[in-house]
C-alpha cells in the first residue's frame, strides 16, 4: 500500500510566496499527497493566489486569525495521511523530497521521524546550507539533543521533517505558548516520543531567507521572551519524563542556558527565574552558549561577566557604525 502524505500549510499574508510553495508540493515526484491549506485570516491576496490552482489534492480552509500553531492543529484534524509534512507558507520542497523520505520510512517504519538536507532560497537562488552537516546522520533522541543544544542557531526547521501519524497522535499538538520557538518545542516532543531520527540526504527542503518580517522586529516585547523561556522550560519537563535523570538534568541545563545567554541582559526578572531553574537542576551557572572566544572567557571570568563584556562590545560597535 502506498502511504498518503498530508502536507499542512498555514497561510497568513503570503501573496508573494504561496504560489511557489504550492507548486513545490504539486510537483513532487511522489504523487499520493493531499495539500491542506489553512488561511489564517489573511488580509492580502493570499486567497486569490490559492484559488488559481485546480488540483483535486488541494483542500482549502479558512479560519479566523489564530496563529500558526492553531492553524497547524486545525490541519492535523483534517489530515487523512499516514505521514505528515508541515510546511511554512514561504518555503519550498525539492521535487524528490517526500519520495526520498518515503523510501526510508518503508525501511524503518512508523516509530522514527525523518529529517532531510537543509537548504535556503533567496529570490530564485537555492543553496544547500553546509552549516547543517552536524545533523546529517541518524540519531537516537538523546544524541540528537546533545547536538541541538550546543548548536544554537542551527536547528532543523519545520519543513525538513516527515512525521508518521503515529507520532503525531501520541504527541499533544502545537503549543502557541512557546512563541517563536513553537517548532523547536513541538519537534522536541515528537522526537522524544520516537525511537530516533533517520536522516535522508536526498530529501532537500529550502527555507526562505528574504522574507521582510525579520526576527529583530519580532523580538520586541516582554511577552515574546516569556514565551521563549516557556519553550525551554517545556524542554526540561519532557526531558525529565523521557530520559534518564542525569541526562535529563544535563540537557535541561543546556536548554535553559540557551535562553539565558541569548536573551541577556533583557528582562532581569526572567533571567533570575531562568538561573533559579538551572540551580534546581544541580548547576551553579548557565552553560556558555556561544563561540570559542565566549566559551573560553566564561571559563575564567564566569558566564555573566563574559556576557556583559560581549554585550558592551556589540553596543560599542553599533554606536561606532552609527557615528
Foldseek 3Di string as FASTA:
>chain_A
DDWEEEEAEEDAQPLPAQLQAVCLVCLAPDHRYAYEYEDQQHPDCPVVSVVVDDDVSYDYYYDHHDDPQVSVVVSLVVDDTQKYFYDYRRKHWHNHQVVLVVVVCVVPHQQEKEFEFEWADEDHDIDGDPVQVVVQAKWFLLRVLVVVLQSPPRDRDRRRIMHGVVLVVVFDGFDCLLPPCSRVLRVNSSRLSGRIYGYRHVTYMYYYDPDPDDVVNVPDDVSRLSSNLVSLVSQLVVLCVRHDLVSSLVSSLSSLLVSLLVVPPPDVVVNVVSQVVNVVSPDNAGQDRDDPVLNVVCVPPNNVVSSVVVVVVVVVVVVVVVD
